[in-house]
C-alpha cells in the first residue's frame, strides 16, 4: 500500500470513529433532574380535591394553589405538608383545569380555553375578569403556566387542534395586550416522539412508551399539565394518558421522555415548581386511593431511565 492509500485509509478510519462516537453521544438522553421513581409523598388530599386538576405556587410562596374540575373554587394548601388551608369561590361551577399565579394575581383556565384573572384573590376586593378566545371544549385545554421570559401564559391542549390529529398544540396568551395568539407556540407530534425514541437506549420502559406512541391507530398523547423549569427554562409536560413526562426545549424540541409508575401517579394532572427547582406533582384520586401531591427535589444531572 502506497503512502497516499495509507493516508486515505487512516482518514476513513478516523471519520468512521468520529461519526460512530457522535452518534452514540446523540443517543444519550438529556438528564431530567428528577427521580420520578422515588418521590416524597407530601399529602393525601381530602375528598373535595379528589379531582384536583391544576397546581401552582402561590404568590405567598409558602402555599400551593389548586383547582378541581367541577367547582368554581381555588384552594390554598400548605407547601410544607399539603394541608388544606382554605378555599375561595371565584366563578360558577365548571370544568376548570389549570391555575397559575402571576405576581399577586391568579389565573385559571377552563377546558374551553377561557381564562379568568382574579385580582385581590381571597379578599373583600376580589375581582374576576373573563377572557374568551378561539379555543373550545373540543381542544380540551388542561395545562396552564406562566412564561416569565416572554410575559405570556401558555395553554396546552389535551386534544388536537385544527384537524391535526397527530399533534398536540401549546398556545399563548399575551399578558401585555391581553390577547390570545392564533398560532401555536409549538406542537408535539407523533413523529417527533418516535424520532426521539429511536435514538434512546432500549429498555422495558422504553418499549412501553414506543408502543403507546407508535402502535396505536389514534395518537393518544394527552397533555394534562405544563410548567417551565425556573433554572433551565425547559418545558415540562405531563400526560395522564400513557403516564408520561416530556421535557422540551423552549422552542418545543423533545429532549427527554419517560414513563411514570402508574401505581404512584395513576392520573397526573398538575405540576408546579418552586424557585430552587423543587417539583410538585398532583395526581387525581383513583379507585380507593385519594388524590395526592408528591414533592421531588431538583437533582441536576440525574437521568434515572
C-alpha atoms as a PDB file:
ATOM      1  CA  UNK A   1       0.000   0.000   0.000  1.00  0.00           C
ATOM      2  CA  UNK A   2       1.487   3.347  -1.054  1.00  0.00           C
ATOM      3  CA  UNK A   3       1.652   6.379   1.213  1.00  0.00           C
ATOM      4  CA  UNK A   4      -1.424   8.072  -0.269  1.00  0.00           C
ATOM      5  CA  UNK A   5      -3.515   4.934   0.132  1.00  0.00           C
ATOM      6  CA  UNK A   6      -2.397   4.614   3.756  1.00  0.00           C
ATOM      7  CA  UNK A   7      -3.375   8.237   4.443  1.00  0.00           C
ATOM      8  CA  UNK A   8      -6.786   7.721   2.867  1.00  0.00           C
ATOM      9  CA  UNK A   9      -7.291   4.561   4.909  1.00  0.00           C
ATOM     10  CA  UNK A  10      -6.347   6.393   8.096  1.00  0.00           C
ATOM     11  CA  UNK A  11      -8.668   9.287   7.266  1.00  0.00           C
ATOM     12  CA  UNK A  12     -11.524   6.869   6.601  1.00  0.00           C
ATOM     13  CA  UNK A  13     -10.929   5.139   9.956  1.00  0.00           C
ATOM     14  CA  UNK A  14     -10.932   8.478  11.798  1.00  0.00           C
ATOM     15  CA  UNK A  15     -14.183   9.530  10.124  1.00  0.00           C
ATOM     16  CA  UNK A  16     -15.857   6.226  10.985  1.00  0.00           C
ATOM     17  CA  UNK A  17     -14.790   6.614  14.638  1.00  0.00           C
ATOM     18  CA  UNK A  18     -15.942  10.231  14.764  1.00  0.00           C
ATOM     19  CA  UNK A  19     -19.409   9.609  13.404  1.00  0.00           C
ATOM     20  CA  UNK A  20     -19.944   6.464  15.443  1.00  0.00           C
ATOM     21  CA  UNK A  21     -19.000   8.191  18.708  1.00  0.00           C
ATOM     22  CA  UNK A  22     -21.006  11.334  17.988  1.00  0.00           C
ATOM     23  CA  UNK A  23     -23.967   9.130  17.136  1.00  0.00           C
ATOM     24  CA  UNK A  24     -23.614   7.370  20.494  1.00  0.00           C
ATOM     25  CA  UNK A  25     -23.460  10.729  22.256  1.00  0.00           C
ATOM     26  CA  UNK A  26     -26.565  11.889  20.403  1.00  0.00           C
ATOM     27  CA  UNK A  27     -28.426   8.824  21.653  1.00  0.00           C
ATOM     28  CA  UNK A  28     -27.712   9.585  25.297  1.00  0.00           C
ATOM     29  CA  UNK A  29     -30.902  11.180  26.688  1.00  0.00           C
ATOM     30  CA  UNK A  30     -30.594  14.561  28.350  1.00  0.00           C
ATOM     31  CA  UNK A  31     -30.729  14.464  32.170  1.00  0.00           C
ATOM     32  CA  UNK A  32     -34.193  15.147  33.520  1.00  0.00           C
ATOM     33  CA  UNK A  33     -33.106  16.194  37.027  1.00  0.00           C
ATOM     34  CA  UNK A  34     -35.737  14.264  38.990  1.00  0.00           C
ATOM     35  CA  UNK A  35     -36.087  10.783  40.442  1.00  0.00           C
ATOM     36  CA  UNK A  36     -39.679  10.082  39.458  1.00  0.00           C
ATOM     37  CA  UNK A  37     -39.469   6.547  40.846  1.00  0.00           C
ATOM     38  CA  UNK A  38     -38.858   7.768  44.402  1.00  0.00           C
ATOM     39  CA  UNK A  39     -40.886  10.935  45.048  1.00  0.00           C
ATOM     40  CA  UNK A  40     -41.766  12.103  48.557  1.00  0.00           C
ATOM     41  CA  UNK A  41     -45.460  11.987  49.399  1.00  0.00           C
ATOM     42  CA  UNK A  42     -46.423  15.477  50.523  1.00  0.00           C
ATOM     43  CA  UNK A  43     -50.067  14.770  51.338  1.00  0.00           C
ATOM     44  CA  UNK A  44     -53.151  12.726  50.725  1.00  0.00           C
ATOM     45  CA  UNK A  45     -55.874  15.193  49.832  1.00  0.00           C
ATOM     46  CA  UNK A  46     -59.454  15.466  51.157  1.00  0.00           C
ATOM     47  CA  UNK A  47     -62.443  14.334  49.106  1.00  0.00           C
ATOM     48  CA  UNK A  48     -63.228  17.865  47.915  1.00  0.00           C
ATOM     49  CA  UNK A  49     -59.939  17.705  45.981  1.00  0.00           C
ATOM     50  CA  UNK A  50     -60.295  14.155  44.677  1.00  0.00           C
ATOM     51  CA  UNK A  51     -60.410  15.539  41.114  1.00  0.00           C
ATOM     52  CA  UNK A  52     -57.552  18.000  41.517  1.00  0.00           C
ATOM     53  CA  UNK A  53     -56.772  19.240  38.023  1.00  0.00           C
ATOM     54  CA  UNK A  54     -54.284  22.088  38.392  1.00  0.00           C
ATOM     55  CA  UNK A  55     -51.437  23.119  40.685  1.00  0.00           C
ATOM     56  CA  UNK A  56     -49.381  26.301  41.111  1.00  0.00           C
ATOM     57  CA  UNK A  57     -47.085  28.062  43.524  1.00  0.00           C
ATOM     58  CA  UNK A  58     -48.949  30.791  45.405  1.00  0.00           C
ATOM     59  CA  UNK A  59     -47.699  34.404  45.482  1.00  0.00           C
ATOM     60  CA  UNK A  60     -47.190  33.795  49.202  1.00  0.00           C
ATOM     61  CA  UNK A  61     -44.506  31.173  48.364  1.00  0.00           C
ATOM     62  CA  UNK A  62     -45.336  29.088  51.438  1.00  0.00           C
ATOM     63  CA  UNK A  63     -48.541  27.888  49.810  1.00  0.00           C
ATOM     64  CA  UNK A  64     -49.683  25.923  46.801  1.00  0.00           C
ATOM     65  CA  UNK A  65     -52.788  26.752  44.805  1.00  0.00           C
ATOM     66  CA  UNK A  66     -55.080  24.160  43.277  1.00  0.00           C
ATOM     67  CA  UNK A  67     -58.320  23.801  41.320  1.00  0.00           C
ATOM     68  CA  UNK A  68     -60.504  20.801  40.682  1.00  0.00           C
ATOM     69  CA  UNK A  69     -62.581  20.209  37.598  1.00  0.00           C
ATOM     70  CA  UNK A  70     -66.080  20.673  38.969  1.00  0.00           C
ATOM     71  CA  UNK A  71     -66.348  23.698  41.251  1.00  0.00           C
ATOM     72  CA  UNK A  72     -65.591  27.374  40.696  1.00  0.00           C
ATOM     73  CA  UNK A  73     -63.220  27.406  43.669  1.00  0.00           C
ATOM     74  CA  UNK A  74     -59.496  27.743  44.113  1.00  0.00           C
ATOM     75  CA  UNK A  75     -57.808  26.062  47.058  1.00  0.00           C
ATOM     76  CA  UNK A  76     -54.830  27.014  49.226  1.00  0.00           C
ATOM     77  CA  UNK A  77     -52.526  24.271  50.501  1.00  0.00           C
ATOM     78  CA  UNK A  78     -49.608  24.449  52.921  1.00  0.00           C
ATOM     79  CA  UNK A  79     -46.461  23.776  50.890  1.00  0.00           C
ATOM     80  CA  UNK A  80     -44.786  22.104  53.884  1.00  0.00           C
ATOM     81  CA  UNK A  81     -47.327  19.335  54.474  1.00  0.00           C
ATOM     82  CA  UNK A  82     -50.075  19.787  51.873  1.00  0.00           C
ATOM     83  CA  UNK A  83     -52.760  20.524  54.424  1.00  0.00           C
ATOM     84  CA  UNK A  84     -55.816  22.356  53.106  1.00  0.00           C
ATOM     85  CA  UNK A  85     -55.794  25.961  54.366  1.00  0.00           C
ATOM     86  CA  UNK A  86     -58.983  27.167  52.727  1.00  0.00           C
ATOM     87  CA  UNK A  87     -60.916  27.728  49.510  1.00  0.00           C
ATOM     88  CA  UNK A  88     -62.354  30.748  47.715  1.00  0.00           C
ATOM     89  CA  UNK A  89     -65.152  30.964  45.184  1.00  0.00           C
ATOM     90  CA  UNK A  90     -64.259  32.825  42.002  1.00  0.00           C
ATOM     91  CA  UNK A  91     -66.916  31.767  39.452  1.00  0.00           C
ATOM     92  CA  UNK A  92     -69.799  29.378  38.895  1.00  0.00           C
ATOM     93  CA  UNK A  93     -69.217  25.612  38.658  1.00  0.00           C
ATOM     94  CA  UNK A  94     -67.381  24.413  35.570  1.00  0.00           C
ATOM     95  CA  UNK A  95     -64.579  22.267  34.163  1.00  0.00           C
ATOM     96  CA  UNK A  96     -61.526  24.164  35.453  1.00  0.00           C
ATOM     97  CA  UNK A  97     -58.224  22.555  34.532  1.00  0.00           C
ATOM     98  CA  UNK A  98     -55.271  24.827  35.278  1.00  0.00           C
ATOM     99  CA  UNK A  99     -54.176  27.526  37.705  1.00  0.00           C
ATOM    100  CA  UNK A 100     -51.181  29.863  37.744  1.00  0.00           C
ATOM    101  CA  UNK A 101     -50.100  32.812  39.887  1.00  0.00           C
ATOM    102  CA  UNK A 102     -48.609  35.830  38.107  1.00  0.00           C
ATOM    103  CA  UNK A 103     -47.447  38.419  40.596  1.00  0.00           C
ATOM    104  CA  UNK A 104     -50.306  38.924  43.029  1.00  0.00           C
ATOM    105  CA  UNK A 105     -52.942  37.803  40.532  1.00  0.00           C
ATOM    106  CA  UNK A 106     -54.271  34.295  39.951  1.00  0.00           C
ATOM    107  CA  UNK A 107     -55.175  32.981  36.517  1.00  0.00           C
ATOM    108  CA  UNK A 108     -57.411  29.952  35.967  1.00  0.00           C
ATOM    109  CA  UNK A 109     -58.212  28.217  32.676  1.00  0.00           C
ATOM    110  CA  UNK A 110     -61.318  26.282  31.742  1.00  0.00           C
ATOM    111  CA  UNK A 111     -61.254  23.287  29.397  1.00  0.00           C
ATOM    112  CA  UNK A 112     -62.813  25.546  26.742  1.00  0.00           C
ATOM    113  CA  UNK A 113     -59.713  27.789  26.828  1.00  0.00           C
ATOM    114  CA  UNK A 114     -61.496  30.591  28.672  1.00  0.00           C
ATOM    115  CA  UNK A 115     -59.213  32.417  31.116  1.00  0.00           C
ATOM    116  CA  UNK A 116     -60.192  34.004  34.425  1.00  0.00           C
ATOM    117  CA  UNK A 117     -57.982  36.661  36.004  1.00  0.00           C
ATOM    118  CA  UNK A 118     -58.507  37.037  39.750  1.00  0.00           C
ATOM    119  CA  UNK A 119     -57.193  40.233  41.309  1.00  0.00           C
ATOM    120  CA  UNK A 120     -57.034  40.674  45.091  1.00  0.00           C
ATOM    121  CA  UNK A 121     -57.791  36.949  45.462  1.00  0.00           C
ATOM    122  CA  UNK A 122     -59.450  35.833  48.661  1.00  0.00           C
ATOM    123  CA  UNK A 123     -60.174  39.378  49.880  1.00  0.00           C
ATOM    124  CA  UNK A 124     -63.247  41.578  50.031  1.00  0.00           C
ATOM    125  CA  UNK A 125     -61.921  43.394  46.987  1.00  0.00           C
ATOM    126  CA  UNK A 126     -61.630  40.273  44.830  1.00  0.00           C
ATOM    127  CA  UNK A 127     -62.475  40.887  41.187  1.00  0.00           C
ATOM    128  CA  UNK A 128     -62.629  38.448  38.270  1.00  0.00           C
ATOM    129  CA  UNK A 129     -62.102  39.291  34.604  1.00  0.00           C
ATOM    130  CA  UNK A 130     -63.018  36.752  31.943  1.00  0.00           C
ATOM    131  CA  UNK A 131     -61.152  36.331  28.632  1.00  0.00           C
ATOM    132  CA  UNK A 132     -62.703  34.272  25.844  1.00  0.00           C
ATOM    133  CA  UNK A 133     -60.542  33.057  22.984  1.00  0.00           C
ATOM    134  CA  UNK A 134     -60.763  30.930  19.847  1.00  0.00           C
ATOM    135  CA  UNK A 135     -60.237  27.566  21.563  1.00  0.00           C
ATOM    136  CA  UNK A 136     -63.174  25.358  22.515  1.00  0.00           C
ATOM    137  CA  UNK A 137     -64.093  22.311  24.569  1.00  0.00           C
ATOM    138  CA  UNK A 138     -63.126  20.172  21.562  1.00  0.00           C
ATOM    139  CA  UNK A 139     -59.487  21.239  22.068  1.00  0.00           C
ATOM    140  CA  UNK A 140     -59.745  20.393  25.788  1.00  0.00           C
ATOM    141  CA  UNK A 141     -57.269  22.805  27.378  1.00  0.00           C
ATOM    142  CA  UNK A 142     -55.812  21.180  30.509  1.00  0.00           C
ATOM    143  CA  UNK A 143     -52.465  22.885  31.165  1.00  0.00           C
ATOM    144  CA  UNK A 144     -51.600  26.449  32.149  1.00  0.00           C
ATOM    145  CA  UNK A 145     -48.256  28.017  33.057  1.00  0.00           C
ATOM    146  CA  UNK A 146     -46.566  31.425  33.208  1.00  0.00           C
ATOM    147  CA  UNK A 147     -43.801  32.053  30.688  1.00  0.00           C
ATOM    148  CA  UNK A 148     -41.943  34.815  32.521  1.00  0.00           C
ATOM    149  CA  UNK A 149     -39.302  35.279  29.808  1.00  0.00           C
ATOM    150  CA  UNK A 150     -41.970  36.187  27.251  1.00  0.00           C
ATOM    151  CA  UNK A 151     -44.612  37.712  29.564  1.00  0.00           C
ATOM    152  CA  UNK A 152     -47.293  35.298  28.490  1.00  0.00           C
ATOM    153  CA  UNK A 153     -49.355  32.350  29.611  1.00  0.00           C
ATOM    154  CA  UNK A 154     -49.005  29.004  27.863  1.00  0.00           C
ATOM    155  CA  UNK A 155     -52.081  26.812  27.385  1.00  0.00           C
ATOM    156  CA  UNK A 156     -51.628  23.151  26.444  1.00  0.00           C
ATOM    157  CA  UNK A 157     -54.378  21.230  24.676  1.00  0.00           C
ATOM    158  CA  UNK A 158     -55.184  17.655  25.583  1.00  0.00           C
ATOM    159  CA  UNK A 159     -56.903  17.106  22.255  1.00  0.00           C
ATOM    160  CA  UNK A 160     -55.886  18.106  18.745  1.00  0.00           C
ATOM    161  CA  UNK A 161     -56.462  21.475  17.091  1.00  0.00           C
ATOM    162  CA  UNK A 162     -57.459  22.322  13.521  1.00  0.00           C
ATOM    163  CA  UNK A 163     -57.831  18.717  12.422  1.00  0.00           C
ATOM    164  CA  UNK A 164     -54.159  17.878  13.019  1.00  0.00           C
ATOM    165  CA  UNK A 165     -54.834  14.638  14.871  1.00  0.00           C
ATOM    166  CA  UNK A 166     -51.176  13.600  15.023  1.00  0.00           C
ATOM    167  CA  UNK A 167     -50.076  16.628  17.082  1.00  0.00           C
ATOM    168  CA  UNK A 168     -50.901  18.409  20.325  1.00  0.00           C
ATOM    169  CA  UNK A 169     -50.598  22.192  20.451  1.00  0.00           C
ATOM    170  CA  UNK A 170     -49.477  24.751  23.019  1.00  0.00           C
ATOM    171  CA  UNK A 171     -50.939  28.242  22.578  1.00  0.00           C
ATOM    172  CA  UNK A 172     -50.171  31.555  24.278  1.00  0.00           C
ATOM    173  CA  UNK A 173     -51.989  34.495  25.828  1.00  0.00           C
ATOM    174  CA  UNK A 174     -50.058  37.770  25.779  1.00  0.00           C
ATOM    175  CA  UNK A 175     -50.247  39.391  29.207  1.00  0.00           C
ATOM    176  CA  UNK A 176     -49.374  42.856  27.871  1.00  0.00           C
ATOM    177  CA  UNK A 177     -52.060  43.003  25.173  1.00  0.00           C
ATOM    178  CA  UNK A 178     -54.488  40.556  26.837  1.00  0.00           C
ATOM    179  CA  UNK A 179     -54.785  38.741  23.519  1.00  0.00           C
ATOM    180  CA  UNK A 180     -54.699  35.071  22.515  1.00  0.00           C
ATOM    181  CA  UNK A 181     -52.259  34.253  19.736  1.00  0.00           C
ATOM    182  CA  UNK A 182     -53.851  32.312  16.886  1.00  0.00           C
ATOM    183  CA  UNK A 183     -50.777  30.266  16.000  1.00  0.00           C
ATOM    184  CA  UNK A 184     -49.404  27.667  18.408  1.00  0.00           C
ATOM    185  CA  UNK A 185     -46.123  28.423  20.158  1.00  0.00           C
ATOM    186  CA  UNK A 186     -45.130  24.865  19.296  1.00  0.00           C
ATOM    187  CA  UNK A 187     -46.649  21.451  18.715  1.00  0.00           C
ATOM    188  CA  UNK A 188     -45.698  17.982  19.919  1.00  0.00           C
ATOM    189  CA  UNK A 189     -46.309  15.292  17.318  1.00  0.00           C
ATOM    190  CA  UNK A 190     -46.177  11.541  16.991  1.00  0.00           C
ATOM    191  CA  UNK A 191     -43.242  11.635  14.566  1.00  0.00           C
ATOM    192  CA  UNK A 192     -41.122  13.837  16.849  1.00  0.00           C
ATOM    193  CA  UNK A 193     -41.673  11.427  19.742  1.00  0.00           C
ATOM    194  CA  UNK A 194     -40.871   8.416  17.548  1.00  0.00           C
ATOM    195  CA  UNK A 195     -37.687  10.073  16.300  1.00  0.00           C
ATOM    196  CA  UNK A 196     -36.595  10.739  19.873  1.00  0.00           C
ATOM    197  CA  UNK A 197     -37.369   7.194  20.987  1.00  0.00           C
ATOM    198  CA  UNK A 198     -35.460   5.690  18.074  1.00  0.00           C
ATOM    199  CA  UNK A 199     -32.297   7.331  19.454  1.00  0.00           C
ATOM    200  CA  UNK A 200     -32.753   6.185  23.046  1.00  0.00           C
ATOM    201  CA  UNK A 201     -31.251   3.155  24.779  1.00  0.00           C
ATOM    202  CA  UNK A 202     -33.749   0.306  24.721  1.00  0.00           C
ATOM    203  CA  UNK A 203     -35.415  -0.890  27.931  1.00  0.00           C
ATOM    204  CA  UNK A 204     -38.708  -2.443  29.010  1.00  0.00           C
ATOM    205  CA  UNK A 205     -39.978   1.014  29.968  1.00  0.00           C
ATOM    206  CA  UNK A 206     -38.841   2.364  26.606  1.00  0.00           C
ATOM    207  CA  UNK A 207     -40.731  -0.374  24.769  1.00  0.00           C
ATOM    208  CA  UNK A 208     -43.976   0.508  26.538  1.00  0.00           C
ATOM    209  CA  UNK A 209     -43.599   4.163  25.583  1.00  0.00           C
ATOM    210  CA  UNK A 210     -42.816   3.228  21.986  1.00  0.00           C
ATOM    211  CA  UNK A 211     -45.897   1.029  21.847  1.00  0.00           C
ATOM    212  CA  UNK A 212     -48.057   3.855  23.234  1.00  0.00           C
ATOM    213  CA  UNK A 213     -46.652   6.374  20.740  1.00  0.00           C
ATOM    214  CA  UNK A 214     -46.293   4.216  17.638  1.00  0.00           C
ATOM    215  CA  UNK A 215     -48.590   1.224  17.576  1.00  0.00           C
ATOM    216  CA  UNK A 216     -51.964   2.709  18.366  1.00  0.00           C
ATOM    217  CA  UNK A 217     -54.112   3.935  15.487  1.00  0.00           C
ATOM    218  CA  UNK A 218     -55.038   7.119  17.329  1.00  0.00           C
ATOM    219  CA  UNK A 219     -52.380   9.409  18.760  1.00  0.00           C
ATOM    220  CA  UNK A 220     -53.371   9.313  22.423  1.00  0.00           C
ATOM    221  CA  UNK A 221     -50.927  11.793  23.937  1.00  0.00           C
ATOM    222  CA  UNK A 222     -52.997  13.938  26.296  1.00  0.00           C
ATOM    223  CA  UNK A 223     -51.108  16.812  27.952  1.00  0.00           C
ATOM    224  CA  UNK A 224     -52.714  17.344  31.352  1.00  0.00           C
ATOM    225  CA  UNK A 225     -50.221  19.795  32.915  1.00  0.00           C
ATOM    226  CA  UNK A 226     -47.449  22.121  31.800  1.00  0.00           C
ATOM    227  CA  UNK A 227     -44.725  24.036  33.638  1.00  0.00           C
ATOM    228  CA  UNK A 228     -41.455  25.839  32.947  1.00  0.00           C
ATOM    229  CA  UNK A 229     -38.366  24.934  34.946  1.00  0.00           C
ATOM    230  CA  UNK A 230     -37.187  28.058  36.820  1.00  0.00           C
ATOM    231  CA  UNK A 231     -33.478  27.261  36.366  1.00  0.00           C
ATOM    232  CA  UNK A 232     -33.104  25.542  32.990  1.00  0.00           C
ATOM    233  CA  UNK A 233     -36.071  27.114  31.183  1.00  0.00           C
ATOM    234  CA  UNK A 234     -37.085  23.666  29.947  1.00  0.00           C
ATOM    235  CA  UNK A 235     -40.780  22.975  29.458  1.00  0.00           C
ATOM    236  CA  UNK A 236     -42.231  20.036  31.385  1.00  0.00           C
ATOM    237  CA  UNK A 237     -45.468  18.429  30.188  1.00  0.00           C
ATOM    238  CA  UNK A 238     -47.326  15.647  31.964  1.00  0.00           C
ATOM    239  CA  UNK A 239     -49.631  13.365  30.014  1.00  0.00           C
ATOM    240  CA  UNK A 240     -52.148  11.437  32.071  1.00  0.00           C
ATOM    241  CA  UNK A 241     -52.729   9.221  29.051  1.00  0.00           C
ATOM    242  CA  UNK A 242     -49.732   6.923  28.889  1.00  0.00           C
ATOM    243  CA  UNK A 243     -48.424   8.241  32.241  1.00  0.00           C
ATOM    244  CA  UNK A 244     -45.666  10.267  30.568  1.00  0.00           C
ATOM    245  CA  UNK A 245     -43.374  13.177  31.373  1.00  0.00           C
ATOM    246  CA  UNK A 246     -41.990  15.146  28.440  1.00  0.00           C
ATOM    247  CA  UNK A 247     -39.180  17.661  28.721  1.00  0.00           C
ATOM    248  CA  UNK A 248     -38.884  20.115  25.831  1.00  0.00           C
ATOM    249  CA  UNK A 249     -36.528  22.902  24.879  1.00  0.00           C
ATOM    250  CA  UNK A 250     -38.096  26.398  24.870  1.00  0.00           C
ATOM    251  CA  UNK A 251     -38.815  26.022  21.141  1.00  0.00           C
ATOM    252  CA  UNK A 252     -40.571  22.683  21.632  1.00  0.00           C
ATOM    253  CA  UNK A 253     -37.878  20.143  20.723  1.00  0.00           C
ATOM    254  CA  UNK A 254     -38.219  16.843  22.617  1.00  0.00           C
ATOM    255  CA  UNK A 255     -35.275  16.496  24.990  1.00  0.00           C
ATOM    256  CA  UNK A 256     -36.490  13.822  27.402  1.00  0.00           C
ATOM    257  CA  UNK A 257     -39.403  11.415  27.553  1.00  0.00           C
ATOM    258  CA  UNK A 258     -40.096   8.927  30.285  1.00  0.00           C
ATOM    259  CA  UNK A 259     -42.897   6.816  31.673  1.00  0.00           C
ATOM    260  CA  UNK A 260     -44.216   7.296  35.207  1.00  0.00           C
ATOM    261  CA  UNK A 261     -45.098   4.493  37.583  1.00  0.00           C
ATOM    262  CA  UNK A 262     -48.899   4.284  37.427  1.00  0.00           C
ATOM    263  CA  UNK A 263     -49.003   2.978  40.993  1.00  0.00           C
ATOM    264  CA  UNK A 264     -47.531   6.294  42.167  1.00  0.00           C
ATOM    265  CA  UNK A 265     -49.056   8.594  39.549  1.00  0.00           C
ATOM    266  CA  UNK A 266     -52.321   6.976  38.426  1.00  0.00           C
ATOM    267  CA  UNK A 267     -53.569  10.251  36.910  1.00  0.00           C
ATOM    268  CA  UNK A 268     -51.026  13.125  36.933  1.00  0.00           C
ATOM    269  CA  UNK A 269     -52.988  16.338  36.431  1.00  0.00           C
ATOM    270  CA  UNK A 270     -50.930  19.211  37.869  1.00  0.00           C
ATOM    271  CA  UNK A 271     -47.331  20.289  38.303  1.00  0.00           C
ATOM    272  CA  UNK A 272     -45.589  23.296  39.836  1.00  0.00           C
ATOM    273  CA  UNK A 273     -42.021  24.432  40.515  1.00  0.00           C
ATOM    274  CA  UNK A 274     -40.501  26.463  43.317  1.00  0.00           C
ATOM    275  CA  UNK A 275     -37.596  28.818  42.546  1.00  0.00           C
ATOM    276  CA  UNK A 276     -34.970  26.219  43.575  1.00  0.00           C
ATOM    277  CA  UNK A 277     -36.363  23.698  41.078  1.00  0.00           C
ATOM    278  CA  UNK A 278     -38.346  21.581  43.532  1.00  0.00           C
ATOM    279  CA  UNK A 279     -41.165  19.952  41.598  1.00  0.00           C
ATOM    280  CA  UNK A 280     -44.658  19.224  42.925  1.00  0.00           C
ATOM    281  CA  UNK A 281     -46.964  16.853  41.054  1.00  0.00           C
ATOM    282  CA  UNK A 282     -50.622  16.219  41.845  1.00  0.00           C
ATOM    283  CA  UNK A 283     -52.475  13.079  40.844  1.00  0.00           C
ATOM    284  CA  UNK A 284     -56.236  12.568  40.964  1.00  0.00           C
ATOM    285  CA  UNK A 285     -57.967  10.001  43.149  1.00  0.00           C
ATOM    286  CA  UNK A 286     -58.218   6.535  41.629  1.00  0.00           C
ATOM    287  CA  UNK A 287     -60.166   3.511  42.886  1.00  0.00           C
ATOM    288  CA  UNK A 288     -59.882   3.540  46.696  1.00  0.00           C
ATOM    289  CA  UNK A 289     -56.837   5.826  46.788  1.00  0.00           C
ATOM    290  CA  UNK A 290     -57.275   9.566  47.471  1.00  0.00           C
ATOM    291  CA  UNK A 291     -55.759  12.332  45.373  1.00  0.00           C
ATOM    292  CA  UNK A 292     -52.151  13.035  46.314  1.00  0.00           C
ATOM    293  CA  UNK A 293     -49.361  15.557  45.928  1.00  0.00           C
ATOM    294  CA  UNK A 294     -45.729  14.486  45.639  1.00  0.00           C
ATOM    295  CA  UNK A 295     -42.556  16.513  46.115  1.00  0.00           C
ATOM    296  CA  UNK A 296     -39.413  15.898  44.047  1.00  0.00           C
ATOM    297  CA  UNK A 297     -36.150  17.750  44.790  1.00  0.00           C
ATOM    298  CA  UNK A 298     -34.168  19.013  41.823  1.00  0.00           C
ATOM    299  CA  UNK A 299     -31.067  16.896  41.136  1.00  0.00           C
ATOM    300  CA  UNK A 300     -29.055  18.422  38.261  1.00  0.00           C
ATOM    301  CA  UNK A 301     -27.590  15.722  36.061  1.00  0.00           C
ATOM    302  CA  UNK A 302     -29.924  12.973  37.278  1.00  0.00           C
ATOM    303  CA  UNK A 303     -31.308  10.828  34.490  1.00  0.00           C
ATOM    304  CA  UNK A 304     -32.967   7.804  36.058  1.00  0.00           C
ATOM    305  CA  UNK A 305     -34.079   5.985  32.938  1.00  0.00           C
END
